[in-house]
């Protein structure tokens, strides 16, 4: 065939977060393209110190922007929509989403100053969006945020089902239930050529549990508490927010929401009609004045975010509210791998205050928003795809999901970011290796992974920093009194004198013996000074710092 059907993940394949998946159909190298999701992940102090958000590098897509038809957003989680406002200007194509997701997408676009006229709200199946050779339908699925959708992507080469994030929940409290009859109809309409499927919980051996099963345990929990109750969960889990708020109200408590993201999410859910009968909430001022057994706080920061309400409460007073001995703090959430340290920090802070802390490890107060292994296999059996593409997971998740698919007779491969796969035939075949990377939001500026900013920051964090200032006089002779300032280094080394003074002494010796040719060459002089500083620091404190050299030359009259 002269035309081919391709699949290319730019983010989210081989990692959890930062989802961005490209589908293409047409002549090789000239395919028309669509992008599914445009999300973020979050920086950490180990691998990305000081970085707020991390996004997929869209260079390949930017280079082929004239072939891109549209962006489709499956749901409103940050790892699927969080980069839209920041990166849309590089693509400038229509964005399609369901109403609630579109409301969150509009906020992202507004915050970034992007035009809103390219954002299109789409009703669920059977409404169909025609984007070049693609006919796309949004199919409601249950997840931990309202109005999540899988995508049916019909192409001349066959039907693709892109699950997005999903679970099999017939009673999700808020949002639409998973409808097996509708999915059976989808499977019967047209054979499923490829199923790109969520792999997050592939190692969970038991069927997933419904959100509705938490109502009674949470009510019993809140009823049993004698002082203030605080609960934290994902701000986007609107169903959990309602279950928690209903439990608090039934226990005779007033509900206070703390955290901008949580208030914004509840407001958006009410405005779009996906959330009804949410209990009336009070502000922090009123909450602080009420008896402690008459208040329930529902707060942001379940993943240990340093600026969120959970962390602030654990460190003392927040918006006039202070936790005390005998209060209760519940984590109604799963700690995402990598966030354990800040979450434990919150728990220890709360323990020091005398607060009783409960986490969801026993499964009583949290259920996952992703399909477990038996649920994934049920979808395989229902849709019977020719090809299974494991997605949305780390490498070990993709590998395990691939093994399940192959065991059922489906063609399947591990496809990670940058692997362009041809789906036209009976199997997946890699046809290109596209360079992929990351874009960092550093404060208010977008920087590339190759810009060196993060690399330099990590080096400074690991090794410390020294600044050296040297003056060359009018006769091109170096003054021996070099000046050194250190940061992030021990003040005193083995010699028992200040480290900066010791380095200055070593530099003075070097400057007295350096030859005239080196003095006249800034690059050579820089290299020599840098070498002396690093060696002197290594001898004294066992560290080779990053070095900044400033050479000032005095002009002759």
Protein backbone atom coordinates (compact mmCIF):
# COMPACT_ATOMS: atom_id res chain seq x y z
CA UNK A 1 0.00 0.00 0.00
CA UNK A 2 1.22 3.51 -0.78
CA UNK A 3 -0.48 4.83 2.36
CA UNK A 4 0.21 3.80 5.90
CA UNK A 5 -1.23 4.16 9.40
CA UNK A 6 1.30 5.23 12.03
CA UNK A 7 1.44 5.59 15.81
CA UNK A 8 4.08 7.78 17.48
CA UNK A 9 4.20 8.53 21.22
CA UNK A 10 6.04 11.74 22.09
CA UNK A 11 5.36 11.42 25.83
CA UNK A 12 3.66 9.01 28.23
CA UNK A 13 5.08 5.77 26.81
CA UNK A 14 7.69 4.32 29.13
CA UNK A 15 6.75 6.84 31.84
CA UNK A 16 3.66 7.90 33.76
CA UNK A 17 2.67 11.44 32.87
CA UNK A 18 3.38 13.92 30.07
CA UNK A 19 1.04 12.13 27.63
CA UNK A 20 1.21 13.02 23.92
CA UNK A 21 0.38 10.51 21.18
CA UNK A 22 0.45 11.09 17.43
CA UNK A 23 -1.56 9.11 14.87
CA UNK A 24 -1.02 9.54 11.15
CA UNK A 25 -2.45 8.25 7.88
CA UNK A 26 -1.34 8.85 4.30
CA UNK A 27 1.70 8.43 2.04
CA UNK A 28 4.90 7.66 3.93
CA UNK A 29 6.44 10.87 5.22
CA UNK A 30 3.40 12.91 4.21
CA UNK A 31 0.76 11.44 6.52
CA UNK A 32 -1.97 13.69 7.87
CA UNK A 33 -1.65 13.77 11.67
CA UNK A 34 -3.67 14.15 14.85
CA UNK A 35 -2.38 14.56 18.39
CA UNK A 36 -4.08 12.89 21.36
CA UNK A 37 -3.48 14.72 24.65
CA UNK A 38 -0.81 17.22 25.62
CA UNK A 39 0.13 16.79 29.26
CA UNK A 40 2.76 17.56 31.85
CA UNK A 41 4.65 15.86 34.60
CA UNK A 42 6.12 17.55 37.64
CA UNK A 43 9.74 18.29 38.48
CA UNK A 44 11.55 16.93 41.52
CA UNK A 45 14.64 18.11 43.34
CA UNK A 46 16.70 15.08 42.29
CA UNK A 47 16.31 15.20 38.50
CA UNK A 48 14.91 18.69 37.84
CA UNK A 49 15.66 21.05 40.75
CA UNK A 50 13.61 24.23 40.70
CA UNK A 51 11.50 23.09 37.74
CA UNK A 52 7.73 23.52 38.01
CA UNK A 53 6.45 21.54 35.02
CA UNK A 54 7.95 19.19 32.43
CA UNK A 55 6.40 18.78 28.97
CA UNK A 56 7.12 16.69 25.88
CA UNK A 57 9.42 18.22 23.29
CA UNK A 58 7.29 18.80 20.18
CA UNK A 59 10.10 19.59 17.74
CA UNK A 60 9.14 16.80 15.33
CA UNK A 61 5.50 17.85 15.42
CA UNK A 62 6.42 21.52 14.98
CA UNK A 63 8.52 20.61 11.96
CA UNK A 64 5.46 18.85 10.52
CA UNK A 65 2.84 21.33 11.71
CA UNK A 66 1.45 21.77 8.22
CA UNK A 67 0.36 18.11 8.37
CA UNK A 68 -1.33 18.35 11.78
CA UNK A 69 -5.14 18.42 11.67
CA UNK A 70 -6.21 18.71 15.31
CA UNK A 71 -5.58 17.98 18.99
CA UNK A 72 -7.98 15.73 20.93
CA UNK A 73 -7.99 15.82 24.76
CA UNK A 74 -9.33 12.68 26.46
CA UNK A 75 -9.82 14.12 29.96
CA UNK A 76 -8.87 16.91 32.31
CA UNK A 77 -5.97 15.52 34.33
CA UNK A 78 -2.78 17.57 34.23
CA UNK A 79 -0.80 14.76 32.63
CA UNK A 80 -3.19 14.90 29.66
CA UNK A 81 -4.12 18.60 29.32
CA UNK A 82 -1.61 20.50 31.46
CA UNK A 83 0.70 21.58 28.61
CA UNK A 84 -2.04 22.76 26.26
CA UNK A 85 -1.89 26.45 27.15
CA UNK A 86 1.90 26.55 27.19
CA UNK A 87 2.52 24.68 23.91
CA UNK A 88 -0.57 25.30 21.76
CA UNK A 89 1.03 28.33 20.13
CA UNK A 90 3.65 26.03 18.59
CA UNK A 91 0.96 23.96 16.84
CA UNK A 92 -2.00 26.34 16.34
CA UNK A 93 -4.63 23.77 15.33
CA UNK A 94 -8.19 23.17 16.59
CA UNK A 95 -8.55 21.50 19.99
CA UNK A 96 -11.47 19.12 20.63
CA UNK A 97 -12.70 18.07 24.07
CA UNK A 98 -15.88 17.26 25.96
CA UNK A 99 -17.58 20.00 27.96
CA UNK A 100 -15.99 19.58 31.40
CA UNK A 101 -12.56 18.84 29.96
CA UNK A 102 -13.00 21.78 27.60
CA UNK A 103 -13.73 24.06 30.56
CA UNK A 104 -10.42 23.08 32.15
CA UNK A 105 -8.66 23.43 28.79
CA UNK A 106 -10.15 26.91 28.37
CA UNK A 107 -8.66 27.92 31.75
CA UNK A 108 -5.26 26.70 30.58
CA UNK A 109 -5.56 28.65 27.34
CA UNK A 110 -6.75 31.81 29.11
CA UNK A 111 -3.93 31.71 31.66
CA UNK A 112 -1.40 31.48 28.81
CA UNK A 113 -3.07 34.24 26.78
CA UNK A 114 -4.01 31.91 23.92
CA UNK A 115 -7.06 32.49 21.68
CA UNK A 116 -10.14 30.52 22.67
CA UNK A 117 -11.81 30.33 19.27
CA UNK A 118 -9.85 27.21 18.34
CA UNK A 119 -11.29 25.24 21.28
CA UNK A 120 -14.26 23.09 20.21
CA UNK A 121 -16.64 21.34 22.62
CA UNK A 122 -17.78 17.93 21.39
CA UNK A 123 -20.67 15.74 22.54
CA UNK A 124 -19.99 12.04 23.15
CA UNK A 125 -20.60 9.33 20.56
CA UNK A 126 -22.32 9.29 18.08
CA UNK A 127 -21.11 12.85 17.37
CA UNK A 128 -18.08 12.52 15.11
CA UNK A 129 -15.24 14.94 14.38
CA UNK A 130 -13.76 14.69 10.90
CA UNK A 131 -10.08 15.62 10.97
CA UNK A 132 -8.50 14.89 7.61
CA UNK A 133 -8.65 11.12 7.07
CA UNK A 134 -9.66 10.55 10.71
CA UNK A 135 -13.22 10.25 12.03
CA UNK A 136 -13.03 10.60 15.81
CA UNK A 137 -15.68 9.88 18.46
CA UNK A 138 -15.48 10.52 22.21
CA UNK A 139 -16.71 7.45 24.13
CA UNK A 140 -17.52 7.98 27.84
CA UNK A 141 -15.46 5.90 30.26
CA UNK A 142 -15.22 5.94 34.05
CA UNK A 143 -12.08 7.36 35.64
CA UNK A 144 -11.16 9.53 38.63
CA UNK A 145 -12.23 12.75 36.91
CA UNK A 146 -15.60 13.48 35.26
CA UNK A 147 -16.27 13.15 31.53
CA UNK A 148 -13.24 11.05 30.73
CA UNK A 149 -13.34 9.57 27.26
CA UNK A 150 -11.77 6.92 25.14
CA UNK A 151 -11.43 7.75 21.46
CA UNK A 152 -12.64 5.75 18.50
CA UNK A 153 -10.38 6.75 15.62
CA UNK A 154 -11.66 5.45 12.29
CA UNK A 155 -9.22 5.53 9.39
CA UNK A 156 -9.16 4.06 5.87
CA UNK A 157 -6.75 1.44 7.25
CA UNK A 158 -8.97 0.37 10.14
CA UNK A 159 -10.40 1.33 13.51
CA UNK A 160 -8.23 2.35 16.45
CA UNK A 161 -9.49 2.49 20.04
CA UNK A 162 -7.41 4.78 22.26
CA UNK A 163 -8.61 4.10 25.82
CA UNK A 164 -7.09 7.09 27.59
CA UNK A 165 -7.19 6.52 31.35
CA UNK A 166 -10.11 4.33 32.38
CA UNK A 167 -11.54 1.82 34.84
CA UNK A 168 -14.56 -0.49 34.81
CA UNK A 169 -16.87 1.27 37.27
CA UNK A 170 -20.63 0.89 37.05
CA UNK A 171 -21.27 3.27 39.98
CA UNK A 172 -18.71 6.10 39.80
CA UNK A 173 -20.70 8.59 42.01
CA UNK A 174 -19.88 11.49 39.66
CA UNK A 175 -19.52 11.11 35.92
CA UNK A 176 -20.58 8.35 33.57
CA UNK A 177 -20.53 4.64 34.35
CA UNK A 178 -18.60 2.25 32.14
CA UNK A 179 -21.15 0.85 29.66
CA UNK A 180 -20.22 -2.69 28.51
CA UNK A 181 -23.20 -2.85 26.13
CA UNK A 182 -22.03 0.24 24.27
CA UNK A 183 -18.53 -1.18 24.04
CA UNK A 184 -19.91 -4.47 22.75
CA UNK A 185 -21.71 -2.51 20.03
CA UNK A 186 -18.48 -0.69 19.17
CA UNK A 187 -16.67 -4.00 18.79
CA UNK A 188 -19.44 -5.35 16.53
CA UNK A 189 -19.66 -2.29 14.27
CA UNK A 190 -16.21 -2.71 12.81
CA UNK A 191 -13.22 -4.90 13.66
CA UNK A 192 -10.74 -3.22 15.99
CA UNK A 193 -7.42 -3.03 14.24
CA UNK A 194 -5.46 -1.57 17.17
CA UNK A 195 -6.17 -0.99 20.84
CA UNK A 196 -3.89 1.59 22.52
CA UNK A 197 -4.55 0.74 26.13
CA UNK A 198 -3.86 2.14 29.62
CA UNK A 199 -1.22 0.00 31.39
CA UNK A 200 -0.92 1.75 34.77
CA UNK A 201 -2.40 -0.99 36.99
CA UNK A 202 -1.35 -4.04 34.97
CA UNK A 203 0.36 -5.51 38.04
CA UNK A 204 -2.75 -5.22 40.26
CA UNK A 205 -4.15 -8.78 40.33
CA UNK A 206 -7.69 -8.14 41.61
CA UNK A 207 -10.62 -6.54 39.78
CA UNK A 208 -10.92 -2.81 40.38
CA UNK A 209 -13.34 -1.49 43.01
CA UNK A 210 -16.09 1.06 42.48
CA UNK A 211 -15.93 4.60 43.80
CA UNK A 212 -19.37 4.06 45.38
CA UNK A 213 -17.92 1.46 47.77
CA UNK A 214 -16.15 4.24 49.70
CA UNK A 215 -19.31 6.01 50.88
CA UNK A 216 -20.01 3.90 53.97
CA UNK A 217 -16.39 3.45 55.14
CA UNK A 218 -15.75 7.19 54.84
CA UNK A 219 -18.96 8.03 56.69
CA UNK A 220 -18.07 5.60 59.49
CA UNK A 221 -14.60 7.07 59.65
CA UNK A 222 -15.75 10.67 59.96
CA UNK A 223 -18.47 9.78 62.47
CA UNK A 224 -15.87 8.15 64.72
CA UNK A 225 -13.68 11.26 65.02
CA UNK A 226 -14.01 13.56 68.02
CA UNK A 227 -12.15 16.68 66.86
CA UNK A 228 -11.34 18.36 63.56
CA UNK A 229 -11.18 16.09 60.51
CA UNK A 230 -8.95 16.90 57.53
CA UNK A 231 -8.99 14.85 54.34
CA UNK A 232 -6.81 15.22 51.27
CA UNK A 233 -7.21 13.74 47.82
CA UNK A 234 -6.57 14.70 44.21
CA UNK A 235 -8.35 17.97 43.48
CA UNK A 236 -9.54 16.54 40.17
CA UNK A 237 -11.26 13.56 41.79
CA UNK A 238 -14.62 15.28 41.95
CA UNK A 239 -16.42 12.07 42.92
CA UNK A 240 -14.17 11.65 45.96
CA UNK A 241 -14.65 15.28 46.93
CA UNK A 242 -18.41 14.74 46.91
CA UNK A 243 -18.17 11.48 48.86
CA UNK A 244 -15.98 13.14 51.49
CA UNK A 245 -18.19 16.23 51.68
CA UNK A 246 -21.35 14.12 51.97
CA UNK A 247 -19.75 12.08 54.77
CA UNK A 248 -18.79 15.23 56.65
CA UNK A 249 -22.24 16.76 56.24
CA UNK A 250 -23.95 13.55 57.41
CA UNK A 251 -21.70 13.60 60.47
CA UNK A 252 -22.91 17.10 61.35
CA UNK A 253 -19.85 18.98 60.17
CA UNK A 254 -19.47 22.06 57.98
CA UNK A 255 -17.27 21.63 54.93
CA UNK A 256 -14.34 23.90 54.10
CA UNK A 257 -12.32 23.49 50.89
CA UNK A 258 -8.70 24.63 51.13
CA UNK A 259 -6.58 24.99 48.02
CA UNK A 260 -7.13 26.99 44.84
CA UNK A 261 -7.06 23.93 42.57
CA UNK A 262 -9.77 22.20 44.58
CA UNK A 263 -12.08 25.19 44.63
CA UNK A 264 -11.52 25.73 40.90
CA UNK A 265 -12.29 22.09 40.10
CA UNK A 266 -15.52 22.05 42.13
CA UNK A 267 -16.65 25.31 40.53
CA UNK A 268 -15.99 23.97 37.03
CA UNK A 269 -17.82 20.73 37.81
CA UNK A 270 -20.88 22.60 39.12
CA UNK A 271 -20.92 25.06 36.21
CA UNK A 272 -20.79 22.28 33.61
CA UNK A 273 -23.47 20.21 35.34
CA UNK A 274 -21.36 17.16 36.15
CA UNK A 275 -21.56 17.84 39.90
CA UNK A 276 -24.91 18.28 41.60
CA UNK A 277 -26.02 18.62 45.21
CA UNK A 278 -22.56 19.41 46.53
CA UNK A 279 -22.86 20.50 50.17
CA UNK A 280 -22.59 24.20 50.90
CA UNK A 281 -19.05 25.13 51.87
CA UNK A 282 -17.69 27.71 54.29
CA UNK A 283 -14.55 29.82 54.21
CA UNK A 284 -11.49 29.35 56.40
CA UNK A 285 -12.40 32.30 58.63
CA UNK A 286 -15.72 30.70 59.59
CA UNK A 287 -14.11 27.27 59.92
CA UNK A 288 -11.58 28.65 62.41
CA UNK A 289 -14.38 30.02 64.63
CA UNK A 290 -16.47 26.84 64.81
CA UNK A 291 -16.02 24.06 67.40
CA UNK A 292 -13.45 21.54 66.19
CA UNK A 293 -15.95 18.69 66.08
CA UNK A 294 -18.18 20.68 63.73
CA UNK A 295 -15.64 21.19 60.92
CA UNK A 296 -14.24 19.04 58.14
CA UNK A 297 -11.49 20.37 55.91
CA UNK A 298 -10.97 18.92 52.43
CA UNK A 299 -7.57 20.09 51.25
CA UNK A 300 -5.11 19.95 48.37
CA UNK A 301 -1.62 18.45 48.54
CA UNK A 302 -2.14 14.69 48.66
CA UNK A 303 1.18 14.23 46.83
CA UNK A 304 3.22 16.36 49.20
CA UNK A 305 3.30 19.52 47.05
CA UNK A 306 5.26 22.06 49.06
CA UNK A 307 2.88 24.99 48.47
CA UNK A 308 -0.39 23.08 48.85
CA UNK A 309 -2.69 23.20 51.87
CA UNK A 310 -1.63 19.82 53.32
CA UNK A 311 2.01 20.83 53.63
CA UNK A 312 1.14 24.29 54.96
CA UNK A 313 -1.17 22.87 57.62
CA UNK A 314 1.48 20.36 58.67
CA UNK A 315 3.97 23.20 59.22
CA UNK A 316 1.73 25.36 61.42
CA UNK A 317 -1.13 27.79 60.92
CA UNK A 318 -2.67 28.15 57.43
CA UNK A 319 -5.29 30.79 56.63
CA UNK A 320 -6.02 31.12 60.34
CA UNK A 321 -6.53 27.38 60.89
CA UNK A 322 -4.18 25.43 63.14
CA UNK A 323 -4.25 21.68 63.73
CA UNK A 324 -4.00 20.43 67.29
CA UNK A 325 -3.40 17.23 69.19
CA UNK A 326 -6.29 14.81 68.71
CA UNK A 327 -7.27 16.08 65.26
CA UNK A 328 -7.43 13.57 62.39
CA UNK A 329 -5.82 13.73 58.94
CA UNK A 330 -6.86 11.26 56.21
CA UNK A 331 -5.03 10.62 52.93
CA UNK A 332 -7.85 9.47 50.62
CA UNK A 333 -5.44 9.01 47.74
CA UNK A 334 -2.61 6.86 46.43
CA UNK A 335 0.90 8.22 46.64
CA UNK A 336 2.31 8.36 43.13
CA UNK A 337 5.73 6.64 42.95
CA UNK A 338 8.41 9.29 43.44
CA UNK A 339 6.30 11.39 45.83
CA UNK A 340 6.85 9.23 48.90
CA UNK A 341 9.39 11.51 50.58
CA UNK A 342 7.32 14.73 50.68
CA UNK A 343 4.20 12.78 51.70
CA UNK A 344 6.09 11.14 54.59
CA UNK A 345 7.39 14.57 55.54
CA UNK A 346 3.80 15.79 55.91
CA UNK A 347 2.91 12.73 57.98
CA UNK A 348 5.84 13.28 60.32
CA UNK A 349 5.03 16.99 60.67
CA UNK A 350 1.47 16.10 61.58
CA UNK A 351 2.62 13.48 64.05
CA UNK A 352 4.73 16.09 65.83
CA UNK A 353 1.56 18.16 66.23
CA UNK A 354 -0.21 15.19 67.81
CA UNK A 355 -2.50 14.68 64.79
CA UNK A 356 -3.63 11.13 64.03
CA UNK A 357 -2.75 10.26 60.42
CA UNK A 358 -4.49 7.65 58.27
CA UNK A 359 -3.40 6.56 54.81
CA UNK A 360 -5.18 4.34 52.24
CA UNK A 361 -2.76 1.40 52.19
CA UNK A 362 -5.47 -0.97 53.41
CA UNK A 363 -7.78 0.05 50.53
CA UNK A 364 -10.53 1.24 52.87
CA UNK A 365 -10.52 4.91 51.89
CA UNK A 366 -9.27 4.98 48.30
CA UNK A 367 -9.90 3.21 45.01
CA UNK A 368 -7.82 3.60 41.87
CA UNK A 369 -9.00 5.34 38.73
CA UNK A 370 -7.21 2.85 36.48
CA UNK A 371 -8.18 -0.61 35.26
CA UNK A 372 -6.50 -3.51 37.05
CA UNK A 373 -5.17 -6.57 35.24
CA UNK A 374 -8.47 -8.54 35.17
CA UNK A 375 -10.25 -5.42 33.87
CA UNK A 376 -7.67 -4.95 31.12
CA UNK A 377 -8.11 -8.56 30.08
CA UNK A 378 -11.89 -8.05 30.02
CA UNK A 379 -11.42 -5.17 27.57
CA UNK A 380 -9.11 -7.30 25.43
CA UNK A 381 -11.74 -10.04 25.29
CA UNK A 382 -14.55 -7.58 24.58
CA UNK A 383 -12.86 -5.68 21.76
CA UNK A 384 -10.68 -8.49 20.34
CA UNK A 385 -8.17 -6.13 18.69
CA UNK A 386 -5.75 -7.37 16.09
CA UNK A 387 -2.94 -5.27 17.62
CA UNK A 388 -2.44 -4.29 21.27
CA UNK A 389 -0.35 -1.17 21.96
CA UNK A 390 0.44 -0.86 25.69
CA UNK A 391 0.60 2.82 26.65
CA UNK A 392 0.46 5.07 29.70
CA UNK A 393 2.96 3.28 31.91
CA UNK A 394 6.58 2.82 32.75
CA UNK A 395 8.62 0.29 30.77
CA UNK A 396 7.85 -2.57 33.15
CA UNK A 397 4.11 -1.88 32.80
CA UNK A 398 4.32 -1.85 29.01
CA UNK A 399 6.32 -5.09 28.97
CA UNK A 400 3.87 -6.92 31.23
CA UNK A 401 0.90 -5.68 29.22
CA UNK A 402 2.59 -6.79 25.99
CA UNK A 403 3.08 -10.29 27.43
CA UNK A 404 -0.61 -10.50 28.29
CA UNK A 405 -1.58 -9.43 24.78
CA UNK A 406 0.74 -11.89 23.09
CA UNK A 407 -0.59 -14.63 25.34
CA UNK A 408 -4.04 -13.93 23.92
CA UNK A 409 -2.80 -14.07 20.32
CA UNK A 410 -2.66 -10.33 19.69
CA UNK A 411 0.29 -8.72 17.96
CA UNK A 412 1.97 -6.50 20.54
CA UNK A 413 5.24 -4.66 21.08
CA UNK A 414 6.78 -2.35 23.65
CA UNK A 415 6.51 1.12 22.10
CA UNK A 416 8.25 3.94 23.95
CA UNK A 417 8.60 7.65 23.22
CA UNK A 418 9.98 8.37 19.78
CA UNK A 419 9.26 4.98 18.21
CA UNK A 420 7.19 5.51 15.05
CA UNK A 421 5.22 2.33 14.37
CA UNK A 422 3.49 1.26 11.17
CA UNK A 423 0.10 -0.30 12.00
CA UNK A 424 -0.99 -0.89 8.40
CA UNK A 425 -0.27 -4.61 8.32
CA UNK A 426 -1.07 -7.40 10.73
CA UNK A 427 1.65 -6.42 13.21
CA UNK A 428 3.47 -3.37 14.57
CA UNK A 429 6.61 -2.50 12.65
CA UNK A 430 8.99 0.29 13.65
CA UNK A 431 9.68 2.56 10.68
CA UNK A 432 11.45 5.51 12.30
CA UNK A 433 13.08 6.71 15.49
CA UNK A 434 12.01 10.29 16.19
CA UNK A 435 14.12 12.39 18.58
CA UNK A 436 12.14 13.13 21.72
CA UNK A 437 13.00 15.13 24.79
CA UNK A 438 11.58 17.44 27.39
CA UNK A 439 10.64 21.07 27.76
CA UNK A 440 10.87 22.62 31.22
CA UNK A 441 8.81 25.43 32.69
CA UNK A 442 11.41 27.23 34.80
CA UNK A 443 9.55 30.01 36.58
CA UNK A 444 7.76 31.67 33.68
CA UNK A 445 10.19 30.63 30.92
CA UNK A 446 10.16 27.52 28.74
CA UNK A 447 13.61 25.99 28.32
CA UNK A 448 14.81 22.92 26.48
CA UNK A 449 16.50 19.91 28.02
CA UNK A 450 19.60 20.65 25.92
CA UNK A 451 19.83 24.28 27.04
CA UNK A 452 22.00 23.22 29.96
CA UNK A 453 20.06 25.08 32.65
CA UNK A 454 18.90 22.01 34.54
CA UNK A 455 22.22 20.22 34.01
CA UNK A 456 24.13 23.19 35.48
CA UNK A 457 21.70 23.42 38.38
CA UNK A 458 22.19 19.75 39.22
CA UNK A 459 25.96 20.15 39.01
CA UNK A 460 25.85 23.12 41.37
CA UNK A 461 23.62 21.19 43.75
CA UNK A 462 25.99 18.24 43.76
CA UNK A 463 29.33 20.04 43.74
CA UNK A 464 28.83 23.59 44.98
CA UNK A 465 30.05 26.70 43.21
CA UNK A 466 33.03 29.04 43.30
CA UNK A 467 33.39 32.44 41.66
CA UNK A 468 36.92 33.67 40.86
CA UNK A 469 37.77 37.26 39.94
CA UNK A 470 41.19 38.14 38.52
CA UNK A 471 42.50 41.53 37.38
CA UNK A 472 45.08 42.01 34.58
CA UNK A 473 46.75 45.42 34.82
CA UNK A 474 47.63 47.94 32.09
CA UNK A 475 50.93 46.15 31.46
CA UNK A 476 49.18 42.80 30.93
CA UNK A 477 50.48 41.49 34.26
CA UNK A 478 48.07 39.61 36.55
CA UNK A 479 47.57 41.02 40.02
CA UNK A 480 48.30 38.20 42.46
CA UNK A 481 45.35 39.03 44.72
CA UNK A 482 42.63 36.92 43.16
CA UNK A 483 39.22 37.07 44.84
CA UNK A 484 37.17 33.92 45.53
CA UNK A 485 33.60 33.50 46.74
CA UNK A 486 32.11 30.05 47.39
CA UNK A 487 28.51 28.82 47.62
CA UNK A 488 27.32 25.43 48.78
CA UNK A 489 30.79 24.42 50.01
CA UNK A 490 32.20 23.81 53.47
CA UNK A 491 33.63 27.01 54.91
CA UNK A 492 36.81 25.38 56.23
CA UNK A 493 38.89 22.53 54.86
CA UNK A 494 41.63 20.20 56.14
CA UNK A 495 44.16 23.04 56.50
CA UNK A 496 41.94 24.64 59.13
CA UNK A 497 41.70 27.95 57.30
CA UNK A 498 38.74 29.40 55.37
CA UNK A 499 38.37 27.52 52.09
CA UNK A 500 38.09 30.70 50.00
CA UNK A 501 41.30 32.10 51.50
CA UNK A 502 43.13 28.81 50.84
CA UNK A 503 42.03 28.83 47.19
CA UNK A 504 43.09 32.48 46.85
CA UNK A 505 46.55 31.53 48.11
CA UNK A 506 46.83 28.73 45.54
CA UNK A 507 45.67 31.10 42.79
CA UNK A 508 48.27 33.70 43.85
CA UNK A 509 51.02 31.11 43.44
CA UNK A 510 49.68 30.22 40.00
CA UNK A 511 49.39 33.86 38.86
CA UNK A 512 52.98 34.60 39.89
CA UNK A 513 54.38 31.83 37.69
CA UNK A 514 51.95 31.83 34.74
CA UNK A 515 53.58 32.62 31.38
CA UNK A 516 52.77 35.73 29.35
CA UNK A 517 51.20 33.77 26.46
CA UNK A 518 48.60 32.24 28.78
CA UNK A 519 47.87 35.63 30.36
CA UNK A 520 47.09 37.09 26.94
CA UNK A 521 44.65 34.25 26.07
CA UNK A 522 41.39 34.44 28.07
CA UNK A 523 40.45 30.84 27.27
CA UNK A 524 43.79 29.41 28.43
CA UNK A 525 43.84 31.60 31.52
CA UNK A 526 40.27 30.60 32.35
CA UNK A 527 41.16 26.90 32.02
CA UNK A 528 44.22 27.30 34.24
CA UNK A 529 42.37 29.18 36.99
CA UNK A 530 39.48 26.73 36.89
CA UNK A 531 41.87 23.77 37.25
CA UNK A 532 43.61 25.32 40.27
CA UNK A 533 40.31 26.03 42.04
CA UNK A 534 38.90 22.55 41.50
CA UNK A 535 42.12 20.84 42.59
CA UNK A 536 42.53 23.04 45.68
CA UNK A 537 38.92 22.37 46.73
CA UNK A 538 39.36 18.65 46.11
CA UNK A 539 42.46 18.54 48.31
CA UNK A 540 40.75 20.50 51.09
CA UNK A 541 37.15 19.22 51.18
CA UNK A 542 36.94 16.37 48.64
CA UNK A 543 34.75 18.33 46.21
CA UNK A 544 35.35 19.72 42.72
CA UNK A 545 33.00 22.71 42.48
CA UNK A 546 31.56 24.35 39.42
CA UNK A 547 33.71 27.43 38.75
CA UNK A 548 32.89 30.81 37.25
CA UNK A 549 35.96 32.85 36.25
CA UNK A 550 35.79 36.63 35.75
CA UNK A 551 38.83 38.18 34.06
CA UNK A 552 38.98 42.00 34.16
CA UNK A 553 41.58 43.77 32.00
CA UNK A 554 42.55 47.35 32.81
CA UNK A 555 42.99 49.54 29.74
CA UNK A 556 46.21 51.51 29.30
CA UNK A 557 45.88 55.33 29.16
